[in-house]
N, C-alpha and C. Protein backbone atom coordinates (compact mmCIF):
# COMPACT_ATOMS: atom_id res chain seq x y z
N MET A 1 0.70 -1.30 0.09
CA MET A 1 -0.09 -0.36 0.10
C MET A 1 1.13 1.44 0.14
N ALA A 2 0.38 1.70 -0.91
CA ALA A 2 1.62 3.52 -1.31
C ALA A 2 0.81 4.71 -0.26
N ASN A 3 1.33 5.15 0.09
CA ASN A 3 0.56 7.32 0.71
C ASN A 3 0.25 7.86 -0.40
N LEU A 4 0.10 8.89 -0.51
CA LEU A 4 0.10 9.89 -1.41
C LEU A 4 0.97 10.41 -2.28
N ASN A 5 1.88 10.67 -1.34
CA ASN A 5 3.24 10.78 -2.14
C ASN A 5 4.64 10.20 -2.81
N ASP A 6 4.08 8.56 -2.47
CA ASP A 6 4.80 7.62 -3.10
C ASP A 6 4.13 7.14 -4.19
N SER A 7 2.16 7.28 -4.02
CA SER A 7 1.81 7.03 -5.75
C SER A 7 2.04 8.30 -6.64
N LEU A 8 2.19 9.42 -6.28
CA LEU A 8 2.39 10.64 -7.40
C LEU A 8 3.78 10.45 -7.84
N LYS A 9 4.92 10.18 -7.19
CA LYS A 9 5.93 9.52 -7.58
C LYS A 9 6.56 8.45 -8.42
N ASP A 10 4.99 7.29 -8.29
CA ASP A 10 5.23 6.59 -9.44
C ASP A 10 4.09 6.33 -10.28
N LEU A 11 3.55 7.31 -10.40
CA LEU A 11 3.08 7.87 -11.59
C LEU A 11 4.09 8.46 -12.80
N MET A 12 4.93 9.12 -11.85
CA MET A 12 5.47 10.14 -12.79
C MET A 12 6.91 9.24 -13.75
N THR A 13 6.71 8.17 -13.08
CA THR A 13 7.91 7.36 -13.63
C THR A 13 7.30 6.58 -15.14
N ILE A 14 5.82 6.89 -15.17
CA ILE A 14 5.77 6.66 -16.55
C ILE A 14 6.11 6.81 -17.90
N ASP A 15 6.11 6.64 -19.00
CA ASP A 15 7.20 6.91 -19.97
C ASP A 15 6.56 8.08 -20.51
N GLY A 16 7.22 9.64 -20.91
CA GLY A 16 6.30 10.47 -21.08
C GLY A 16 5.33 11.27 -19.97
N ALA A 17 5.53 10.62 -18.60
CA ALA A 17 4.60 11.28 -17.82
C ALA A 17 5.22 12.86 -17.88
N GLN A 18 4.07 14.06 -17.67
CA GLN A 18 4.71 15.61 -17.55
C GLN A 18 4.20 16.03 -16.43
N ALA A 19 2.99 15.63 -15.97
CA ALA A 19 2.03 15.70 -14.60
C ALA A 19 0.97 15.06 -14.11
N VAL A 20 1.16 14.88 -12.71
CA VAL A 20 0.03 14.19 -12.27
C VAL A 20 -0.19 14.41 -11.15
N ALA A 21 -2.05 14.18 -10.96
CA ALA A 21 -2.49 14.79 -9.57
C ALA A 21 -3.34 13.91 -8.83
N LEU A 22 -3.90 13.98 -7.85
CA LEU A 22 -4.94 13.69 -6.97
C LEU A 22 -5.74 14.34 -6.89
N VAL A 23 -6.94 14.42 -7.44
CA VAL A 23 -8.28 15.29 -6.87
C VAL A 23 -9.43 14.93 -6.33
N ASP A 24 -9.91 15.69 -5.75
CA ASP A 24 -11.36 15.34 -5.14
C ASP A 24 -12.36 15.79 -6.01
N TYR A 25 -13.11 15.10 -6.69
CA TYR A 25 -14.03 15.64 -7.53
C TYR A 25 -15.19 16.41 -7.16
N ASN A 26 -15.58 16.04 -5.44
CA ASN A 26 -16.55 16.62 -4.81
C ASN A 26 -16.32 18.44 -4.63
N SER A 27 -15.29 18.83 -4.25
CA SER A 27 -14.90 19.91 -4.17
C SER A 27 -14.23 20.45 -5.41
N GLY A 28 -13.42 19.79 -6.45
CA GLY A 28 -12.65 20.29 -7.52
C GLY A 28 -11.24 20.49 -6.85
N MET A 29 -10.86 20.76 -5.76
CA MET A 29 -9.67 20.71 -4.94
C MET A 29 -8.56 19.53 -5.31
N LEU A 30 -7.46 20.21 -5.46
CA LEU A 30 -6.02 19.60 -5.70
C LEU A 30 -5.29 18.94 -4.54
N LEU A 31 -5.25 17.31 -4.21
CA LEU A 31 -5.06 17.19 -3.24
C LEU A 31 -3.36 16.76 -2.94
N GLY A 32 -2.94 15.82 -4.09
CA GLY A 32 -1.19 16.33 -4.20
C GLY A 32 -0.81 16.25 -5.63
N GLU A 33 0.30 16.62 -6.16
CA GLU A 33 0.49 16.81 -7.49
C GLU A 33 2.03 16.78 -7.43
N ALA A 34 2.59 16.19 -8.69
CA ALA A 34 3.93 15.92 -8.76
C ALA A 34 4.36 16.62 -10.56
N GLY A 35 4.86 16.74 -11.16
CA GLY A 35 5.72 17.61 -12.01
C GLY A 35 5.07 18.73 -12.47
N SER A 36 5.21 18.97 -13.66
CA SER A 36 5.09 20.62 -14.03
C SER A 36 4.66 20.60 -15.65
N GLY A 37 4.72 22.19 -16.09
CA GLY A 37 4.41 22.18 -17.68
C GLY A 37 2.70 22.80 -17.76
N MET A 38 1.97 22.90 -16.32
CA MET A 38 0.60 22.98 -16.74
C MET A 38 0.22 23.66 -15.33
N ASP A 39 -0.43 24.25 -15.03
CA ASP A 39 -1.41 24.89 -13.62
C ASP A 39 -2.14 23.64 -13.45
N MET A 40 -2.08 22.80 -12.55
CA MET A 40 -2.65 21.84 -11.69
C MET A 40 -4.09 21.80 -11.43
N GLU A 41 -3.95 23.53 -10.54
CA GLU A 41 -5.07 23.71 -9.83
C GLU A 41 -5.99 24.00 -10.79
N VAL A 42 -5.88 24.55 -11.81
CA VAL A 42 -7.03 25.17 -12.91
C VAL A 42 -7.03 23.83 -13.94
N ALA A 43 -6.41 23.09 -14.26
CA ALA A 43 -6.48 21.36 -14.67
C ALA A 43 -7.51 20.51 -13.60
N ALA A 44 -7.09 20.70 -12.59
CA ALA A 44 -8.23 19.93 -11.46
C ALA A 44 -9.78 20.20 -11.65
N ALA A 45 -9.61 21.62 -11.22
CA ALA A 45 -10.66 22.10 -11.27
C ALA A 45 -11.72 21.74 -12.69
N GLY A 46 -10.88 21.92 -13.99
CA GLY A 46 -11.80 22.01 -14.99
C GLY A 46 -12.09 20.45 -15.25
N ASN A 47 -11.10 19.50 -14.52
CA ASN A 47 -11.41 17.82 -15.67
C ASN A 47 -12.56 17.67 -14.29
N THR A 48 -12.50 17.77 -13.02
CA THR A 48 -13.62 17.83 -12.42
C THR A 48 -14.72 17.83 -12.77
N GLU A 49 -15.26 19.08 -13.35
CA GLU A 49 -16.32 19.04 -14.61
C GLU A 49 -16.92 17.78 -15.49
N VAL A 50 -15.51 17.81 -16.02
CA VAL A 50 -15.52 16.42 -16.94
C VAL A 50 -15.96 15.08 -16.15
N ILE A 51 -15.23 14.24 -15.27
CA ILE A 51 -15.66 13.85 -14.02
C ILE A 51 -17.50 13.32 -13.75
N ARG A 52 -17.51 14.77 -13.26
CA ARG A 52 -18.95 14.90 -12.85
C ARG A 52 -20.08 14.62 -13.74
N ALA A 53 -19.71 15.30 -15.05
CA ALA A 53 -20.69 15.07 -15.99
C ALA A 53 -20.95 13.72 -16.51
N LYS A 54 -19.40 13.15 -16.68
CA LYS A 54 -19.63 11.50 -17.30
C LYS A 54 -20.48 10.98 -15.79
N MET A 55 -20.10 10.80 -14.88
CA MET A 55 -20.48 10.55 -13.30
C MET A 55 -22.64 10.72 -13.87
N LYS A 56 -22.88 11.22 -14.03
CA LYS A 56 -23.99 12.08 -14.12
C LYS A 56 -25.13 11.55 -15.46
N THR A 57 -24.13 11.63 -16.33
CA THR A 57 -24.51 10.47 -17.76
C THR A 57 -25.03 9.52 -17.53
N ALA A 58 -24.03 8.81 -16.98
CA ALA A 58 -24.21 7.43 -16.68
C ALA A 58 -24.63 7.05 -15.91
N ALA A 59 -25.06 7.78 -14.73
CA ALA A 59 -26.20 7.79 -13.46
C ALA A 59 -27.76 7.74 -14.55
N SER A 60 -28.04 8.83 -15.36
CA SER A 60 -29.12 9.16 -16.22
C SER A 60 -29.28 7.85 -16.97
N LEU A 61 -28.56 7.03 -17.39
CA LEU A 61 -28.55 6.48 -18.67
C LEU A 61 -28.80 4.83 -17.49
N ASN A 62 -28.59 4.89 -16.49
CA ASN A 62 -28.62 3.61 -15.51
C ASN A 62 -28.02 2.30 -15.95
N LEU A 63 -26.79 2.63 -16.41
CA LEU A 63 -25.84 1.82 -17.05
C LEU A 63 -25.45 0.57 -15.86
N ASN A 64 -25.82 0.89 -14.36
CA ASN A 64 -25.21 -0.43 -13.59
C ASN A 64 -23.68 -0.59 -14.02
N ASP A 65 -22.80 -0.15 -14.25
CA ASP A 65 -21.49 -0.16 -14.08
C ASP A 65 -20.69 1.06 -13.69
N THR A 66 -19.47 1.03 -13.57
CA THR A 66 -18.18 2.10 -13.29
C THR A 66 -17.66 2.30 -14.29
N ILE A 67 -16.78 3.59 -14.16
CA ILE A 67 -15.67 4.47 -14.81
C ILE A 67 -14.09 3.93 -14.56
N GLU A 68 -13.88 3.13 -15.60
CA GLU A 68 -12.73 2.21 -14.91
C GLU A 68 -11.98 4.03 -15.31
N ASP A 69 -11.67 4.52 -16.44
CA ASP A 69 -11.06 6.14 -16.73
C ASP A 69 -11.81 6.70 -18.04
N ILE A 70 -11.15 7.76 -17.85
CA ILE A 70 -11.28 8.70 -19.29
C ILE A 70 -10.05 9.08 -19.80
N LEU A 71 -10.42 9.34 -21.32
CA LEU A 71 -9.23 9.70 -22.04
C LEU A 71 -9.52 10.64 -22.69
N ILE A 72 -8.79 11.49 -22.76
CA ILE A 72 -8.78 12.47 -23.29
C ILE A 72 -7.54 12.66 -24.54
N THR A 73 -7.73 12.80 -26.04
CA THR A 73 -6.24 12.75 -26.48
C THR A 73 -6.35 13.94 -27.18
N LEU A 74 -5.51 14.67 -27.25
CA LEU A 74 -4.30 15.89 -27.66
C LEU A 74 -3.89 15.39 -28.84
N GLY A 75 -3.60 16.61 -29.55
CA GLY A 75 -2.52 16.30 -30.60
C GLY A 75 -0.88 15.67 -30.35
N LYS A 76 -1.06 16.89 -28.96
CA LYS A 76 0.47 16.09 -28.14
C LYS A 76 0.67 15.57 -26.92
N ALA A 77 -1.04 15.13 -26.20
CA ALA A 77 -0.52 14.93 -25.00
C ALA A 77 -2.11 13.94 -24.66
N TYR A 78 -2.04 13.20 -24.17
CA TYR A 78 -2.95 12.24 -23.36
C TYR A 78 -3.12 12.82 -21.88
N HIS A 79 -4.35 12.82 -21.84
CA HIS A 79 -4.80 13.11 -20.30
C HIS A 79 -5.78 11.76 -19.51
N ILE A 80 -4.95 11.21 -19.25
CA ILE A 80 -6.11 10.20 -18.19
C ILE A 80 -6.35 10.31 -17.01
N LEU A 81 -7.82 10.44 -16.97
CA LEU A 81 -8.64 10.45 -15.77
C LEU A 81 -9.12 9.45 -15.23
N ARG A 82 -8.86 9.04 -13.83
CA ARG A 82 -9.00 7.57 -13.37
C ARG A 82 -9.82 7.72 -11.68
N PRO A 83 -11.40 7.31 -11.81
CA PRO A 83 -11.57 7.59 -10.84
C PRO A 83 -10.81 6.86 -9.95
N VAL A 84 -10.93 6.81 -8.38
CA VAL A 84 -10.11 5.78 -7.26
C VAL A 84 -11.87 4.73 -6.60
N ALA A 85 -11.41 3.81 -7.20
CA ALA A 85 -12.73 2.86 -6.84
C ALA A 85 -12.58 2.93 -5.46
N ALA A 86 -11.64 2.51 -4.28
CA ALA A 86 -12.06 2.10 -2.96
C ALA A 86 -12.05 3.85 -2.15
N LYS A 87 -12.00 4.92 -3.46
CA LYS A 87 -12.25 6.23 -2.48
C LYS A 87 -12.85 7.05 -2.89
N GLN A 88 -14.20 6.97 -2.77
CA GLN A 88 -15.43 7.47 -3.30
C GLN A 88 -15.15 9.08 -3.51
N GLY A 89 -15.26 9.76 -4.58
CA GLY A 89 -14.84 11.20 -4.87
C GLY A 89 -13.04 11.45 -5.62
N LEU A 90 -12.76 10.88 -5.45
CA LEU A 90 -11.58 10.95 -5.53
C LEU A 90 -10.88 10.55 -7.00
N PHE A 91 -10.17 11.13 -7.68
CA PHE A 91 -9.75 10.32 -9.17
C PHE A 91 -8.22 10.80 -9.44
N PHE A 92 -7.43 10.36 -10.17
CA PHE A 92 -6.12 10.16 -10.54
C PHE A 92 -5.80 11.38 -12.09
N TYR A 93 -5.47 12.22 -12.17
CA TYR A 93 -5.39 12.96 -13.29
C TYR A 93 -3.57 12.83 -13.94
N VAL A 94 -3.95 12.30 -14.92
CA VAL A 94 -2.63 11.99 -15.53
C VAL A 94 -1.90 12.60 -16.75
N VAL A 95 -1.35 13.25 -17.46
CA VAL A 95 -0.53 14.00 -18.26
C VAL A 95 0.49 13.39 -19.05
N LEU A 96 0.31 13.02 -20.08
CA LEU A 96 1.76 12.22 -20.63
C LEU A 96 1.85 12.74 -22.08
N ASP A 97 3.07 12.71 -22.44
CA ASP A 97 3.53 13.52 -23.94
C ASP A 97 3.43 12.49 -24.81
N ARG A 98 2.48 12.43 -25.88
CA ARG A 98 2.02 11.59 -26.87
C ARG A 98 3.12 10.66 -27.64
N SER A 99 4.07 11.51 -27.67
CA SER A 99 5.00 10.80 -28.18
C SER A 99 6.05 10.39 -27.72
N LYS A 100 6.30 10.01 -26.41
CA LYS A 100 6.75 9.26 -25.39
C LYS A 100 6.24 8.28 -24.74
N SER A 101 4.97 8.56 -24.84
CA SER A 101 4.09 7.11 -24.19
C SER A 101 3.82 6.48 -24.68
N ASN A 102 3.16 5.28 -23.82
CA ASN A 102 2.85 4.00 -24.43
C ASN A 102 1.19 3.86 -23.63
N LEU A 103 0.24 3.88 -24.35
CA LEU A 103 -1.10 4.63 -24.00
C LEU A 103 -1.54 3.16 -22.95
N ALA A 104 -1.38 1.89 -23.43
CA ALA A 104 -1.43 0.89 -22.93
C ALA A 104 -0.79 0.68 -21.84
N LEU A 105 0.15 0.75 -21.53
CA LEU A 105 1.37 0.96 -20.36
C LEU A 105 0.79 1.88 -19.62
N ALA A 106 0.44 2.63 -20.23
CA ALA A 106 0.14 3.92 -18.97
C ALA A 106 -1.13 3.84 -17.98
N ARG A 107 -2.15 3.53 -18.58
CA ARG A 107 -3.41 2.70 -18.07
C ARG A 107 -2.98 2.20 -17.11
N ARG A 108 -2.27 0.62 -17.36
CA ARG A 108 -2.22 -0.36 -16.55
C ARG A 108 -1.09 0.33 -15.69
N LYS A 109 -0.34 1.33 -15.81
CA LYS A 109 0.31 1.69 -14.15
C LYS A 109 -0.77 2.28 -13.59
N VAL A 110 -1.34 3.60 -14.26
CA VAL A 110 -2.32 4.28 -13.28
C VAL A 110 -3.21 3.18 -12.51
N LEU A 111 -4.04 2.05 -13.29
CA LEU A 111 -4.56 1.03 -12.49
C LEU A 111 -3.97 0.56 -11.13
N ASP A 112 -2.84 0.42 -11.23
CA ASP A 112 -1.50 -0.59 -10.09
C ASP A 112 -1.50 0.56 -9.34
N VAL A 113 -1.59 1.78 -9.60
CA VAL A 113 -1.32 2.74 -8.49
C VAL A 113 -2.60 2.96 -7.53
N GLU A 114 -3.79 3.62 -8.41
CA GLU A 114 -4.95 3.44 -7.71
C GLU A 114 -5.42 2.28 -6.76
N SER A 115 -5.17 1.11 -7.43
CA SER A 115 -5.33 -0.02 -6.44
C SER A 115 -4.41 -0.25 -4.96
N SER A 116 -3.23 0.44 -5.24
CA SER A 116 -2.38 0.58 -3.94
C SER A 116 -2.51 1.64 -3.00
N LEU A 117 -3.27 2.97 -3.83
CA LEU A 117 -3.22 3.78 -3.00
C LEU A 117 -3.73 3.72 -1.83
N GLN A 118 -3.33 4.16 -0.60
CA GLN A 118 -3.68 4.04 0.96
C GLN A 118 -3.88 5.27 1.46
N MET A 119 -4.66 6.17 1.72
CA MET A 119 -4.92 7.66 2.35
C MET A 119 -5.84 7.43 3.90
């Protein structure tokens, strides 16, 4: 089991990782971050709206399923939003340089880190 700082450091070992964060999507607050290159407080608040909208839509559609992750693909980057299954209301936010990362391996690493988070 890993604490928050260890989890964020572990996420930064993903090939192409630029910035990572743990966010509370109930409040939009940034709980921890690592890396550089963007204002993670603004990114956390904005992506909170993405998570909330998808959660609301899934509930409205009665999907009876959980969101594993949300992928936003940009020209130069991948953004992965992964709700923390064991900690309702939290999600990991990972920004990857698209030219340096392997998306499949990155998603797997985020899953592993999410599974071992201890708060």
